[in-house]
């Protein structure tokens, strides 16, 4: 579980110190793409904690979720509809759900350890 967290911090640091600047017109695409990637990372952490992590599923989900989110924003722009709200709601709720599941696994793991220690 430590490796994904370290990878997240390394990725954020690389993004901050790279000097790469996106034009303002692409900000919605980049923001929703990052949100989709964070959703995939939390899903990968959750799968890893359940011992159900598979690299192919994670890698394809990481890339394809980001691309799908950006295509959704592009399609909304073509139709003059703000679909970024839909993407934020969907990916945001998935992130909260994954985070909640991770929290439950951690709390239940600690409770099981306490019970086994007292027996």
PDB file of N, CA and C in Angstrom:
ATOM      1  N   UNK A   1       0.819  -1.190   0.000  1.00  0.00           N
ATOM      2  CA  UNK A   1       0.000   0.000   0.000  1.00  0.00           C
ATOM      3  C   UNK A   1       0.865   1.257   0.000  1.00  0.00           C
ATOM      4  N   UNK A   2       2.067   1.132   0.455  1.00  0.00           N
ATOM      5  CA  UNK A   2       2.958   2.282   0.516  1.00  0.00           C
ATOM      6  C   UNK A   2       3.432   2.702  -0.876  1.00  0.00           C
ATOM      7  N   UNK A   3       3.593   1.751  -1.772  1.00  0.00           N
ATOM      8  CA  UNK A   3       4.097   2.045  -3.114  1.00  0.00           C
ATOM      9  C   UNK A   3       3.146   2.958  -3.896  1.00  0.00           C
ATOM     10  N   UNK A   4       1.814   2.724  -3.916  1.00  0.00           N
ATOM     11  CA  UNK A   4       0.941   3.660  -4.635  1.00  0.00           C
ATOM     12  C   UNK A   4       0.965   5.074  -4.058  1.00  0.00           C
ATOM     13  N   UNK A   5       1.094   5.189  -2.750  1.00  0.00           N
ATOM     14  CA  UNK A   5       1.136   6.511  -2.130  1.00  0.00           C
ATOM     15  C   UNK A   5       2.424   7.232  -2.509  1.00  0.00           C
ATOM     16  N   UNK A   6       3.537   6.512  -2.493  1.00  0.00           N
ATOM     17  CA  UNK A   6       4.809   7.103  -2.912  1.00  0.00           C
ATOM     18  C   UNK A   6       4.736   7.501  -4.380  1.00  0.00           C
ATOM     19  N   UNK A   7       4.146   6.634  -5.212  1.00  0.00           N
ATOM     20  CA  UNK A   7       3.990   6.943  -6.636  1.00  0.00           C
ATOM     21  C   UNK A   7       3.142   8.179  -6.862  1.00  0.00           C
ATOM     22  N   UNK A   8       2.102   8.336  -6.050  1.00  0.00           N
ATOM     23  CA  UNK A   8       1.247   9.513  -6.160  1.00  0.00           C
ATOM     24  C   UNK A   8       2.032  10.787  -5.844  1.00  0.00           C
ATOM     25  N   UNK A   9       2.814  10.758  -4.769  1.00  0.00           N
ATOM     26  CA  UNK A   9       3.605  11.932  -4.403  1.00  0.00           C
ATOM     27  C   UNK A   9       4.692  12.229  -5.437  1.00  0.00           C
ATOM     28  N   UNK A  10       5.313  11.189  -5.979  1.00  0.00           N
ATOM     29  CA  UNK A  10       6.331  11.391  -7.015  1.00  0.00           C
ATOM     30  C   UNK A  10       5.691  12.000  -8.259  1.00  0.00           C
ATOM     31  N   UNK A  11       4.500  11.516  -8.635  1.00  0.00           N
ATOM     32  CA  UNK A  11       3.800  12.056  -9.796  1.00  0.00           C
ATOM     33  C   UNK A  11       3.398  13.503  -9.613  1.00  0.00           C
ATOM     34  N   UNK A  12       2.906  13.841  -8.432  1.00  0.00           N
ATOM     35  CA  UNK A  12       2.525  15.230  -8.158  1.00  0.00           C
ATOM     36  C   UNK A  12       3.756  16.132  -8.185  1.00  0.00           C
ATOM     37  N   UNK A  13       4.841  15.681  -7.570  1.00  0.00           N
ATOM     38  CA  UNK A  13       6.072  16.479  -7.570  1.00  0.00           C
ATOM     39  C   UNK A  13       6.607  16.658  -8.989  1.00  0.00           C
ATOM     40  N   UNK A  14       6.565  15.586  -9.788  1.00  0.00           N
ATOM     41  CA  UNK A  14       7.032  15.681 -11.181  1.00  0.00           C
ATOM     42  C   UNK A  14       6.175  16.669 -11.960  1.00  0.00           C
ATOM     43  N   UNK A  15       4.877  16.671 -11.717  1.00  0.00           N
ATOM     44  CA  UNK A  15       3.985  17.605 -12.397  1.00  0.00           C
ATOM     45  C   UNK A  15       4.233  19.046 -11.999  1.00  0.00           C
ATOM     46  N   UNK A  16       4.494  19.251 -10.726  1.00  0.00           N
ATOM     47  CA  UNK A  16       4.716  20.618 -10.240  1.00  0.00           C
ATOM     48  C   UNK A  16       6.052  21.174 -10.739  1.00  0.00           C
ATOM     49  N   UNK A  17       7.094  20.359 -10.678  1.00  0.00           N
ATOM     50  CA  UNK A  17       8.430  20.854 -11.012  1.00  0.00           C
ATOM     51  C   UNK A  17       8.803  20.689 -12.485  1.00  0.00           C
ATOM     52  N   UNK A  18       7.913  20.124 -13.303  1.00  0.00           N
ATOM     53  CA  UNK A  18       8.244  19.933 -14.718  1.00  0.00           C
ATOM     54  C   UNK A  18       8.196  21.234 -15.505  1.00  0.00           C
ATOM     55  N   UNK A  19       7.432  22.201 -15.033  1.00  0.00           N
ATOM     56  CA  UNK A  19       7.310  23.462 -15.749  1.00  0.00           C
ATOM     57  C   UNK A  19       6.315  23.387 -16.900  1.00  0.00           C
ATOM     58  N   UNK A  20       5.640  22.270 -17.055  1.00  0.00           N
ATOM     59  CA  UNK A  20       4.652  22.103 -18.112  1.00  0.00           C
ATOM     60  C   UNK A  20       3.401  22.905 -17.773  1.00  0.00           C
ATOM     61  N   UNK A  21       2.983  23.758 -18.693  1.00  0.00           N
ATOM     62  CA  UNK A  21       1.820  24.603 -18.479  1.00  0.00           C
ATOM     63  C   UNK A  21       0.832  24.350 -19.618  1.00  0.00           C
ATOM     64  N   UNK A  22      -0.393  24.045 -19.249  1.00  0.00           N
ATOM     65  CA  UNK A  22      -1.441  23.824 -20.240  1.00  0.00           C
ATOM     66  C   UNK A  22      -2.161  25.139 -20.508  1.00  0.00           C
ATOM     67  N   UNK A  23      -2.577  25.369 -21.751  1.00  0.00           N
ATOM     68  CA  UNK A  23      -3.368  26.574 -22.044  1.00  0.00           C
ATOM     69  C   UNK A  23      -4.690  26.550 -21.276  1.00  0.00           C
ATOM     70  N   UNK A  24      -5.209  27.712 -20.991  1.00  0.00           N
ATOM     71  CA  UNK A  24      -6.432  27.828 -20.192  1.00  0.00           C
ATOM     72  C   UNK A  24      -7.610  27.095 -20.821  1.00  0.00           C
ATOM     73  N   UNK A  25      -7.624  26.994 -22.133  1.00  0.00           N
ATOM     74  CA  UNK A  25      -8.717  26.312 -22.816  1.00  0.00           C
ATOM     75  C   UNK A  25      -8.771  24.823 -22.536  1.00  0.00           C
ATOM     76  N   UNK A  26      -7.650  24.254 -22.109  1.00  0.00           N
ATOM     77  CA  UNK A  26      -7.594  22.822 -21.819  1.00  0.00           C
ATOM     78  C   UNK A  26      -7.770  22.507 -20.333  1.00  0.00           C
ATOM     79  N   UNK A  27      -8.010  23.500 -19.525  1.00  0.00           N
ATOM     80  CA  UNK A  27      -8.053  23.273 -18.075  1.00  0.00           C
ATOM     81  C   UNK A  27      -9.156  22.305 -17.671  1.00  0.00           C
ATOM     82  N   UNK A  28     -10.311  22.373 -18.303  1.00  0.00           N
ATOM     83  CA  UNK A  28     -11.394  21.441 -17.957  1.00  0.00           C
ATOM     84  C   UNK A  28     -11.006  20.019 -18.314  1.00  0.00           C
ATOM     85  N   UNK A  29     -10.349  19.826 -19.465  1.00  0.00           N
ATOM     86  CA  UNK A  29      -9.916  18.496 -19.873  1.00  0.00           C
ATOM     87  C   UNK A  29      -8.901  17.914 -18.894  1.00  0.00           C
ATOM     88  N   UNK A  30      -7.924  18.723 -18.541  1.00  0.00           N
ATOM     89  CA  UNK A  30      -6.866  18.261 -17.636  1.00  0.00           C
ATOM     90  C   UNK A  30      -7.436  17.966 -16.245  1.00  0.00           C
ATOM     91  N   UNK A  31      -8.296  18.843 -15.758  1.00  0.00           N
ATOM     92  CA  UNK A  31      -8.853  18.649 -14.413  1.00  0.00           C
ATOM     93  C   UNK A  31      -9.676  17.371 -14.328  1.00  0.00           C
ATOM     94  N   UNK A  32     -10.521  17.122 -15.307  1.00  0.00           N
ATOM     95  CA  UNK A  32     -11.350  15.914 -15.272  1.00  0.00           C
ATOM     96  C   UNK A  32     -10.487  14.684 -15.533  1.00  0.00           C
ATOM     97  N   UNK A  33      -9.467  14.807 -16.375  1.00  0.00           N
ATOM     98  CA  UNK A  33      -8.548  13.690 -16.591  1.00  0.00           C
ATOM     99  C   UNK A  33      -7.810  13.309 -15.320  1.00  0.00           C
ATOM    100  N   UNK A  34      -7.357  14.312 -14.573  1.00  0.00           N
ATOM    101  CA  UNK A  34      -6.679  14.044 -13.294  1.00  0.00           C
ATOM    102  C   UNK A  34      -7.642  13.407 -12.304  1.00  0.00           C
ATOM    103  N   UNK A  35      -8.871  13.885 -12.266  1.00  0.00           N
ATOM    104  CA  UNK A  35      -9.877  13.304 -11.378  1.00  0.00           C
ATOM    105  C   UNK A  35     -10.112  11.836 -11.718  1.00  0.00           C
ATOM    106  N   UNK A  36     -10.198  11.513 -13.001  1.00  0.00           N
ATOM    107  CA  UNK A  36     -10.386  10.124 -13.419  1.00  0.00           C
ATOM    108  C   UNK A  36      -9.178   9.273 -13.036  1.00  0.00           C
ATOM    109  N   UNK A  37      -7.981   9.824 -13.172  1.00  0.00           N
ATOM    110  CA  UNK A  37      -6.773   9.081 -12.786  1.00  0.00           C
ATOM    111  C   UNK A  37      -6.731   8.845 -11.282  1.00  0.00           C
ATOM    112  N   UNK A  38      -7.111   9.838 -10.489  1.00  0.00           N
ATOM    113  CA  UNK A  38      -7.152   9.654  -9.035  1.00  0.00           C
ATOM    114  C   UNK A  38      -8.173   8.602  -8.640  1.00  0.00           C
ATOM    115  N   UNK A  39      -9.289   8.557  -9.350  1.00  0.00           N
ATOM    116  CA  UNK A  39     -10.280   7.514  -9.108  1.00  0.00           C
ATOM    117  C   UNK A  39      -9.668   6.144  -9.372  1.00  0.00           C
ATOM    118  N   UNK A  40      -8.903   6.013 -10.444  1.00  0.00           N
ATOM    119  CA  UNK A  40      -8.260   4.735 -10.758  1.00  0.00           C
ATOM    120  C   UNK A  40      -7.219   4.354  -9.705  1.00  0.00           C
ATOM    121  N   UNK A  41      -6.485   5.343  -9.217  1.00  0.00           N
ATOM    122  CA  UNK A  41      -5.476   5.066  -8.185  1.00  0.00           C
ATOM    123  C   UNK A  41      -6.150   4.555  -6.907  1.00  0.00           C
ATOM    124  N   UNK A  42      -7.217   5.224  -6.478  1.00  0.00           N
ATOM    125  CA  UNK A  42      -7.922   4.758  -5.279  1.00  0.00           C
ATOM    126  C   UNK A  42      -8.539   3.386  -5.498  1.00  0.00           C
ATOM    127  N   UNK A  43      -9.051   3.122  -6.695  1.00  0.00           N
ATOM    128  CA  UNK A  43      -9.564   1.787  -7.010  1.00  0.00           C
ATOM    129  C   UNK A  43      -8.462   0.751  -6.969  1.00  0.00           C
ATOM    130  N   UNK A  44      -7.268   1.113  -7.434  1.00  0.00           N
ATOM    131  CA  UNK A  44      -6.125   0.196  -7.373  1.00  0.00           C
ATOM    132  C   UNK A  44      -5.684  -0.073  -5.945  1.00  0.00           C
ATOM    133  N   UNK A  45      -5.688   0.951  -5.106  1.00  0.00           N
ATOM    134  CA  UNK A  45      -5.333   0.758  -3.689  1.00  0.00           C
ATOM    135  C   UNK A  45      -6.343  -0.162  -3.018  1.00  0.00           C
ATOM    136  N   UNK A  46      -7.613   0.061  -3.311  1.00  0.00           N
ATOM    137  CA  UNK A  46      -8.665  -0.774  -2.730  1.00  0.00           C
ATOM    138  C   UNK A  46      -8.530  -2.228  -3.204  1.00  0.00           C
ATOM    139  N   UNK A  47      -8.281  -2.423  -4.487  1.00  0.00           N
ATOM    140  CA  UNK A  47      -8.100  -3.778  -5.011  1.00  0.00           C
ATOM    141  C   UNK A  47      -6.868  -4.436  -4.405  1.00  0.00           C
ATOM    142  N   UNK A  48      -5.807  -3.666  -4.204  1.00  0.00           N
ATOM    143  CA  UNK A  48      -4.593  -4.209  -3.597  1.00  0.00           C
ATOM    144  C   UNK A  48      -4.850  -4.643  -2.161  1.00  0.00           C
ATOM    145  N   UNK A  49      -5.638  -3.880  -1.437  1.00  0.00           N
ATOM    146  CA  UNK A  49      -5.933  -4.231  -0.044  1.00  0.00           C
ATOM    147  C   UNK A  49      -6.801  -5.486   0.043  1.00  0.00           C
ATOM    148  N   UNK A  50      -7.579  -5.765  -1.003  1.00  0.00           N
ATOM    149  CA  UNK A  50      -8.403  -6.979  -1.044  1.00  0.00           C
ATOM    150  C   UNK A  50      -7.656  -8.137  -1.676  1.00  0.00           C
ATOM    151  N   UNK A  51      -6.383  -7.929  -2.019  1.00  0.00           N
ATOM    152  CA  UNK A  51      -5.557  -8.920  -2.722  1.00  0.00           C
ATOM    153  C   UNK A  51      -6.167  -9.314  -4.055  1.00  0.00           C
ATOM    154  N   UNK A  52      -6.732  -8.338  -4.762  1.00  0.00           N
ATOM    155  CA  UNK A  52      -7.388  -8.569  -6.045  1.00  0.00           C
ATOM    156  C   UNK A  52      -6.824  -7.627  -7.113  1.00  0.00           C
ATOM    157  N   UNK A  53      -5.615  -7.104  -6.894  1.00  0.00           N
ATOM    158  CA  UNK A  53      -5.027  -6.125  -7.803  1.00  0.00           C
ATOM    159  C   UNK A  53      -4.437  -6.826  -9.018  1.00  0.00           C
ATOM    160  N   UNK A  54      -4.745  -6.289 -10.204  1.00  0.00           N
ATOM    161  CA  UNK A  54      -4.164  -6.790 -11.453  1.00  0.00           C
ATOM    162  C   UNK A  54      -3.653  -5.590 -12.246  1.00  0.00           C
ATOM    163  N   UNK A  55      -2.366  -5.653 -12.647  1.00  0.00           N
ATOM    164  CA  UNK A  55      -1.723  -4.535 -13.322  1.00  0.00           C
ATOM    165  C   UNK A  55      -2.411  -4.169 -14.622  1.00  0.00           C
ATOM    166  N   UNK A  56      -2.824  -5.160 -15.416  1.00  0.00           N
ATOM    167  CA  UNK A  56      -3.456  -4.865 -16.703  1.00  0.00           C
ATOM    168  C   UNK A  56      -4.760  -4.100 -16.497  1.00  0.00           C
ATOM    169  N   UNK A  57      -5.539  -4.515 -15.530  1.00  0.00           N
ATOM    170  CA  UNK A  57      -6.801  -3.836 -15.246  1.00  0.00           C
ATOM    171  C   UNK A  57      -6.532  -2.413 -14.776  1.00  0.00           C
ATOM    172  N   UNK A  58      -5.542  -2.253 -13.891  1.00  0.00           N
ATOM    173  CA  UNK A  58      -5.223  -0.923 -13.380  1.00  0.00           C
ATOM    174  C   UNK A  58      -4.712  -0.006 -14.491  1.00  0.00           C
ATOM    175  N   UNK A  59      -3.749  -0.487 -15.273  1.00  0.00           N
ATOM    176  CA  UNK A  59      -3.131   0.353 -16.301  1.00  0.00           C
ATOM    177  C   UNK A  59      -4.138   0.756 -17.373  1.00  0.00           C
ATOM    178  N   UNK A  60      -4.929  -0.195 -17.838  1.00  0.00           N
ATOM    179  CA  UNK A  60      -5.914   0.142 -18.864  1.00  0.00           C
ATOM    180  C   UNK A  60      -7.001   1.055 -18.299  1.00  0.00           C
ATOM    181  N   UNK A  61      -7.423   0.810 -17.068  1.00  0.00           N
ATOM    182  CA  UNK A  61      -8.421   1.671 -16.446  1.00  0.00           C
ATOM    183  C   UNK A  61      -7.895   3.071 -16.218  1.00  0.00           C
ATOM    184  N   UNK A  62      -6.639   3.178 -15.814  1.00  0.00           N
ATOM    185  CA  UNK A  62      -6.013   4.482 -15.569  1.00  0.00           C
ATOM    186  C   UNK A  62      -6.027   5.321 -16.839  1.00  0.00           C
ATOM    187  N   UNK A  63      -5.586   4.744 -17.940  1.00  0.00           N
ATOM    188  CA  UNK A  63      -5.492   5.488 -19.200  1.00  0.00           C
ATOM    189  C   UNK A  63      -6.875   5.698 -19.810  1.00  0.00           C
ATOM    190  N   UNK A  64      -7.657   4.632 -19.907  1.00  0.00           N
ATOM    191  CA  UNK A  64      -8.940   4.733 -20.599  1.00  0.00           C
ATOM    192  C   UNK A  64      -9.954   5.584 -19.840  1.00  0.00           C
ATOM    193  N   UNK A  65      -9.929   5.563 -18.508  1.00  0.00           N
ATOM    194  CA  UNK A  65     -10.827   6.441 -17.747  1.00  0.00           C
ATOM    195  C   UNK A  65     -10.500   7.906 -18.002  1.00  0.00           C
ATOM    196  N   UNK A  66      -9.214   8.219 -18.042  1.00  0.00           N
ATOM    197  CA  UNK A  66      -8.823   9.607 -18.306  1.00  0.00           C
ATOM    198  C   UNK A  66      -9.233  10.026 -19.713  1.00  0.00           C
ATOM    199  N   UNK A  67      -8.996   9.151 -20.689  1.00  0.00           N
ATOM    200  CA  UNK A  67      -9.366   9.473 -22.069  1.00  0.00           C
ATOM    201  C   UNK A  67     -10.882   9.608 -22.187  1.00  0.00           C
ATOM    202  N   UNK A  68     -11.615   8.688 -21.587  1.00  0.00           N
ATOM    203  CA  UNK A  68     -13.074   8.753 -21.648  1.00  0.00           C
ATOM    204  C   UNK A  68     -13.604  10.044 -21.012  1.00  0.00           C
ATOM    205  N   UNK A  69     -13.022  10.432 -19.889  1.00  0.00           N
ATOM    206  CA  UNK A  69     -13.451  11.668 -19.228  1.00  0.00           C
ATOM    207  C   UNK A  69     -13.196  12.872 -20.123  1.00  0.00           C
ATOM    208  N   UNK A  70     -12.043  12.906 -20.769  1.00  0.00           N
ATOM    209  CA  UNK A  70     -11.736  14.034 -21.639  1.00  0.00           C
ATOM    210  C   UNK A  70     -12.602  14.033 -22.899  1.00  0.00           C
ATOM    211  N   UNK A  71     -12.902  12.860 -23.426  1.00  0.00           N
ATOM    212  CA  UNK A  71     -13.799  12.779 -24.585  1.00  0.00           C
ATOM    213  C   UNK A  71     -15.198  13.251 -24.188  1.00  0.00           C
ATOM    214  N   UNK A  72     -15.619  12.916 -22.984  1.00  0.00           N
ATOM    215  CA  UNK A  72     -16.924  13.364 -22.502  1.00  0.00           C
ATOM    216  C   UNK A  72     -16.976  14.892 -22.438  1.00  0.00           C
ATOM    217  N   UNK A  73     -15.913  15.518 -21.965  1.00  0.00           N
ATOM    218  CA  UNK A  73     -15.862  16.975 -21.905  1.00  0.00           C
ATOM    219  C   UNK A  73     -15.862  17.566 -23.314  1.00  0.00           C
ATOM    220  N   UNK A  74     -15.076  16.962 -24.211  1.00  0.00           N
ATOM    221  CA  UNK A  74     -15.035  17.442 -25.598  1.00  0.00           C
ATOM    222  C   UNK A  74     -16.407  17.337 -26.256  1.00  0.00           C
ATOM    223  N   UNK A  75     -17.074  16.196 -26.054  1.00  0.00           N
ATOM    224  CA  UNK A  75     -18.410  16.011 -26.628  1.00  0.00           C
ATOM    225  C   UNK A  75     -19.388  17.049 -26.081  1.00  0.00           C
ATOM    226  N   UNK A  76     -19.304  17.303 -24.786  1.00  0.00           N
ATOM    227  CA  UNK A  76     -20.151  18.330 -24.189  1.00  0.00           C
ATOM    228  C   UNK A  76     -19.892  19.707 -24.785  1.00  0.00           C
ATOM    229  N   UNK A  77     -18.629  20.018 -25.041  1.00  0.00           N
ATOM    230  CA  UNK A  77     -18.307  21.303 -25.670  1.00  0.00           C
ATOM    231  C   UNK A  77     -18.861  21.388 -27.086  1.00  0.00           C
ATOM    232  N   UNK A  78     -18.825  20.278 -27.811  1.00  0.00           N
ATOM    233  CA  UNK A  78     -19.363  20.268 -29.167  1.00  0.00           C
ATOM    234  C   UNK A  78     -20.876  20.461 -29.177  1.00  0.00           C
ATOM    235  N   UNK A  79     -21.537  19.965 -28.130  1.00  0.00           N
ATOM    236  CA  UNK A  79     -22.991  20.078 -28.032  1.00  0.00           C
ATOM    237  C   UNK A  79     -23.438  21.289 -27.215  1.00  0.00           C
ATOM    238  N   UNK A  80     -22.482  22.083 -26.766  1.00  0.00           N
ATOM    239  CA  UNK A  80     -22.745  23.250 -25.910  1.00  0.00           C
ATOM    240  C   UNK A  80     -23.468  22.862 -24.627  1.00  0.00           C
ATOM    241  N   UNK A  81     -23.040  21.732 -24.056  1.00  0.00           N
ATOM    242  CA  UNK A  81     -23.580  21.244 -22.784  1.00  0.00           C
ATOM    243  C   UNK A  81     -22.399  21.077 -21.832  1.00  0.00           C
ATOM    244  N   UNK A  82     -22.537  21.513 -20.614  1.00  0.00           N
ATOM    245  CA  UNK A  82     -21.456  21.388 -19.639  1.00  0.00           C
ATOM    246  C   UNK A  82     -21.488  19.996 -19.016  1.00  0.00           C
ATOM    247  N   UNK A  83     -20.829  19.034 -19.676  1.00  0.00           N
ATOM    248  CA  UNK A  83     -20.787  17.660 -19.167  1.00  0.00           C
ATOM    249  C   UNK A  83     -19.694  17.457 -18.129  1.00  0.00           C
ATOM    250  N   UNK A  84     -18.901  18.488 -17.866  1.00  0.00           N
ATOM    251  CA  UNK A  84     -17.865  18.341 -16.842  1.00  0.00           C
ATOM    252  C   UNK A  84     -18.501  18.120 -15.477  1.00  0.00           C
ATOM    253  N   UNK A  85     -19.676  18.668 -15.263  1.00  0.00           N
ATOM    254  CA  UNK A  85     -20.366  18.446 -13.984  1.00  0.00           C
ATOM    255  C   UNK A  85     -20.702  16.974 -13.815  1.00  0.00           C
ATOM    256  N   UNK A  86     -21.173  16.333 -14.876  1.00  0.00           N
ATOM    257  CA  UNK A  86     -21.491  14.907 -14.815  1.00  0.00           C
ATOM    258  C   UNK A  86     -20.247  14.091 -14.514  1.00  0.00           C
ATOM    259  N   UNK A  87     -19.131  14.418 -15.169  1.00  0.00           N
ATOM    260  CA  UNK A  87     -17.889  13.681 -14.932  1.00  0.00           C
ATOM    261  C   UNK A  87     -17.399  13.873 -13.503  1.00  0.00           C
ATOM    262  N   UNK A  88     -17.479  15.101 -12.997  1.00  0.00           N
ATOM    263  CA  UNK A  88     -17.042  15.368 -11.627  1.00  0.00           C
ATOM    264  C   UNK A  88     -17.909  14.605 -10.629  1.00  0.00           C
ATOM    265  N   UNK A  89     -19.211  14.575 -10.864  1.00  0.00           N
ATOM    266  CA  UNK A  89     -20.112  13.849  -9.953  1.00  0.00           C
ATOM    267  C   UNK A  89     -19.808  12.359  -9.976  1.00  0.00           C
ATOM    268  N   UNK A  90     -19.660  11.786 -11.163  1.00  0.00           N
ATOM    269  CA  UNK A  90     -19.428  10.344 -11.270  1.00  0.00           C
ATOM    270  C   UNK A  90     -18.078   9.960 -10.665  1.00  0.00           C
ATOM    271  N   UNK A  91     -17.013  10.609 -11.122  1.00  0.00           N
ATOM    272  CA  UNK A  91     -15.687  10.251 -10.612  1.00  0.00           C
ATOM    273  C   UNK A  91     -15.519  10.643  -9.149  1.00  0.00           C
ATOM    274  N   UNK A  92     -16.117  11.744  -8.738  1.00  0.00           N
ATOM    275  CA  UNK A  92     -16.055  12.139  -7.329  1.00  0.00           C
ATOM    276  C   UNK A  92     -16.760  11.143  -6.434  1.00  0.00           C
ATOM    277  N   UNK A  93     -17.925  10.680  -6.841  1.00  0.00           N
ATOM    278  CA  UNK A  93     -18.643   9.703  -6.015  1.00  0.00           C
ATOM    279  C   UNK A  93     -17.904   8.371  -5.979  1.00  0.00           C
ATOM    280  N   UNK A  94     -17.282   7.990  -7.098  1.00  0.00           N
ATOM    281  CA  UNK A  94     -16.491   6.754  -7.099  1.00  0.00           C
ATOM    282  C   UNK A  94     -15.282   6.867  -6.180  1.00  0.00           C
ATOM    283  N   UNK A  95     -14.657   8.061  -6.162  1.00  0.00           N
ATOM    284  CA  UNK A  95     -13.517   8.262  -5.277  1.00  0.00           C
ATOM    285  C   UNK A  95     -13.935   8.160  -3.815  1.00  0.00           C
ATOM    286  N   UNK A  96     -15.050   8.802  -3.463  1.00  0.00           N
ATOM    287  CA  UNK A  96     -15.529   8.716  -2.085  1.00  0.00           C
ATOM    288  C   UNK A  96     -15.911   7.284  -1.725  1.00  0.00           C
ATOM    289  N   UNK A  97     -16.495   6.553  -2.656  1.00  0.00           N
ATOM    290  CA  UNK A  97     -16.860   5.168  -2.409  1.00  0.00           C
ATOM    291  C   UNK A  97     -15.610   4.315  -2.190  1.00  0.00           C
ATOM    292  N   UNK A  98     -14.591   4.478  -3.050  1.00  0.00           N
ATOM    293  CA  UNK A  98     -13.345   3.730  -2.871  1.00  0.00           C
ATOM    294  C   UNK A  98     -12.667   4.094  -1.559  1.00  0.00           C
ATOM    295  N   UNK A  99     -12.640   5.385  -1.248  1.00  0.00           N
ATOM    296  CA  UNK A  99     -12.020   5.814   0.005  1.00  0.00           C
ATOM    297  C   UNK A  99     -12.763   5.231   1.205  1.00  0.00           C
ATOM    298  N   UNK A 100     -14.081   5.204   1.135  1.00  0.00           N
ATOM    299  CA  UNK A 100     -14.885   4.616   2.211  1.00  0.00           C
ATOM    300  C   UNK A 100     -14.593   3.129   2.355  1.00  0.00           C
ATOM    301  N   UNK A 101     -14.490   2.430   1.236  1.00  0.00           N
ATOM    302  CA  UNK A 101     -14.175   0.998   1.291  1.00  0.00           C
ATOM    303  C   UNK A 101     -12.786   0.755   1.867  1.00  0.00           C
ATOM    304  N   UNK A 102     -11.826   1.587   1.501  1.00  0.00           N
ATOM    305  CA  UNK A 102     -10.470   1.464   2.053  1.00  0.00           C
ATOM    306  C   UNK A 102     -10.496   1.687   3.560  1.00  0.00           C
ATOM    307  N   UNK A 103     -11.224   2.714   3.969  1.00  0.00           N
ATOM    308  CA  UNK A 103     -11.332   3.008   5.404  1.00  0.00           C
ATOM    309  C   UNK A 103     -11.954   1.837   6.161  1.00  0.00           C
ATOM    310  N   UNK A 104     -13.005   1.250   5.598  1.00  0.00           N
ATOM    311  CA  UNK A 104     -13.651   0.107   6.248  1.00  0.00           C
ATOM    312  C   UNK A 104     -12.708  -1.090   6.345  1.00  0.00           C
ATOM    313  N   UNK A 105     -11.932  -1.332   5.289  1.00  0.00           N
ATOM    314  CA  UNK A 105     -10.975  -2.439   5.343  1.00  0.00           C
ATOM    315  C   UNK A 105      -9.927  -2.214   6.430  1.00  0.00           C
ATOM    316  N   UNK A 106      -9.444  -0.980   6.541  1.00  0.00           N
ATOM    317  CA  UNK A 106      -8.427  -0.676   7.558  1.00  0.00           C
ATOM    318  C   UNK A 106      -9.013  -0.830   8.954  1.00  0.00           C
ATOM    319  N   UNK A 107     -10.204  -0.291   9.175  1.00  0.00           N
ATOM    320  CA  UNK A 107     -10.824  -0.377  10.502  1.00  0.00           C
ATOM    321  C   UNK A 107     -11.180  -1.819  10.859  1.00  0.00           C
ATOM    322  N   UNK A 108     -11.689  -2.582   9.909  1.00  0.00           N
ATOM    323  CA  UNK A 108     -12.033  -3.970  10.187  1.00  0.00           C
ATOM    324  C   UNK A 108     -10.792  -4.815  10.417  1.00  0.00           C
ATOM    325  N   UNK A 109      -9.705  -4.497   9.722  1.00  0.00           N
ATOM    326  CA  UNK A 109      -8.449  -5.220   9.923  1.00  0.00           C
ATOM    327  C   UNK A 109      -7.941  -5.011  11.345  1.00  0.00           C
ATOM    328  N   UNK A 110      -7.998  -3.760  11.821  1.00  0.00           N
ATOM    329  CA  UNK A 110      -7.547  -3.461  13.180  1.00  0.00           C
ATOM    330  C   UNK A 110      -8.446  -4.123  14.215  1.00  0.00           C
ATOM    331  N   UNK A 111      -9.763  -4.178  13.958  1.00  0.00           N
ATOM    332  CA  UNK A 111     -10.668  -4.831  14.902  1.00  0.00           C
ATOM    333  C   UNK A 111     -10.399  -6.330  14.955  1.00  0.00           C
ATOM    334  N   UNK A 112     -10.116  -6.962  13.835  1.00  0.00           N
ATOM    335  CA  UNK A 112      -9.816  -8.381  13.807  1.00  0.00           C
ATOM    336  C   UNK A 112      -8.524  -8.678  14.544  1.00  0.00           C
ATOM    337  N   UNK A 113      -7.534  -7.771  14.429  1.00  0.00           N
ATOM    338  CA  UNK A 113      -6.273  -7.959  15.136  1.00  0.00           C
ATOM    339  C   UNK A 113      -6.480  -7.855  16.638  1.00  0.00           C
ATOM    340  N   UNK A 114      -7.328  -6.938  17.096  1.00  0.00           N
ATOM    341  CA  UNK A 114      -7.598  -6.776  18.513  1.00  0.00           C
ATOM    342  C   UNK A 114      -8.298  -8.015  19.046  1.00  0.00           C
ATOM    343  N   UNK A 115      -9.264  -8.543  18.310  1.00  0.00           N
ATOM    344  CA  UNK A 115      -9.988  -9.739  18.741  1.00  0.00           C
ATOM    345  C   UNK A 115      -9.042 -10.921  18.812  1.00  0.00           C
ATOM    346  N   UNK A 116      -8.184 -11.106  17.816  1.00  0.00           N
ATOM    347  CA  UNK A 116      -7.270 -12.256  17.822  1.00  0.00           C
ATOM    348  C   UNK A 116      -6.198 -12.105  18.899  1.00  0.00           C
ATOM    349  N   UNK A 117      -5.827 -10.879  19.246  1.00  0.00           N
ATOM    350  CA  UNK A 117      -4.837 -10.656  20.307  1.00  0.00           C
ATOM    351  C   UNK A 117      -5.409 -10.987  21.678  1.00  0.00           C
ATOM    352  N   UNK A 118      -6.692 -10.787  21.881  1.00  0.00           N
ATOM    353  CA  UNK A 118      -7.288 -11.029  23.188  1.00  0.00           C
ATOM    354  C   UNK A 118      -7.666 -12.484  23.394  1.00  0.00           C
ATOM    355  N   UNK A 119      -7.726 -13.266  22.333  1.00  0.00           N
ATOM    356  CA  UNK A 119      -8.118 -14.677  22.479  1.00  0.00           C
ATOM    357  C   UNK A 119      -6.983 -15.541  22.947  1.00  0.00           C
TER     358      UNK A 119
END
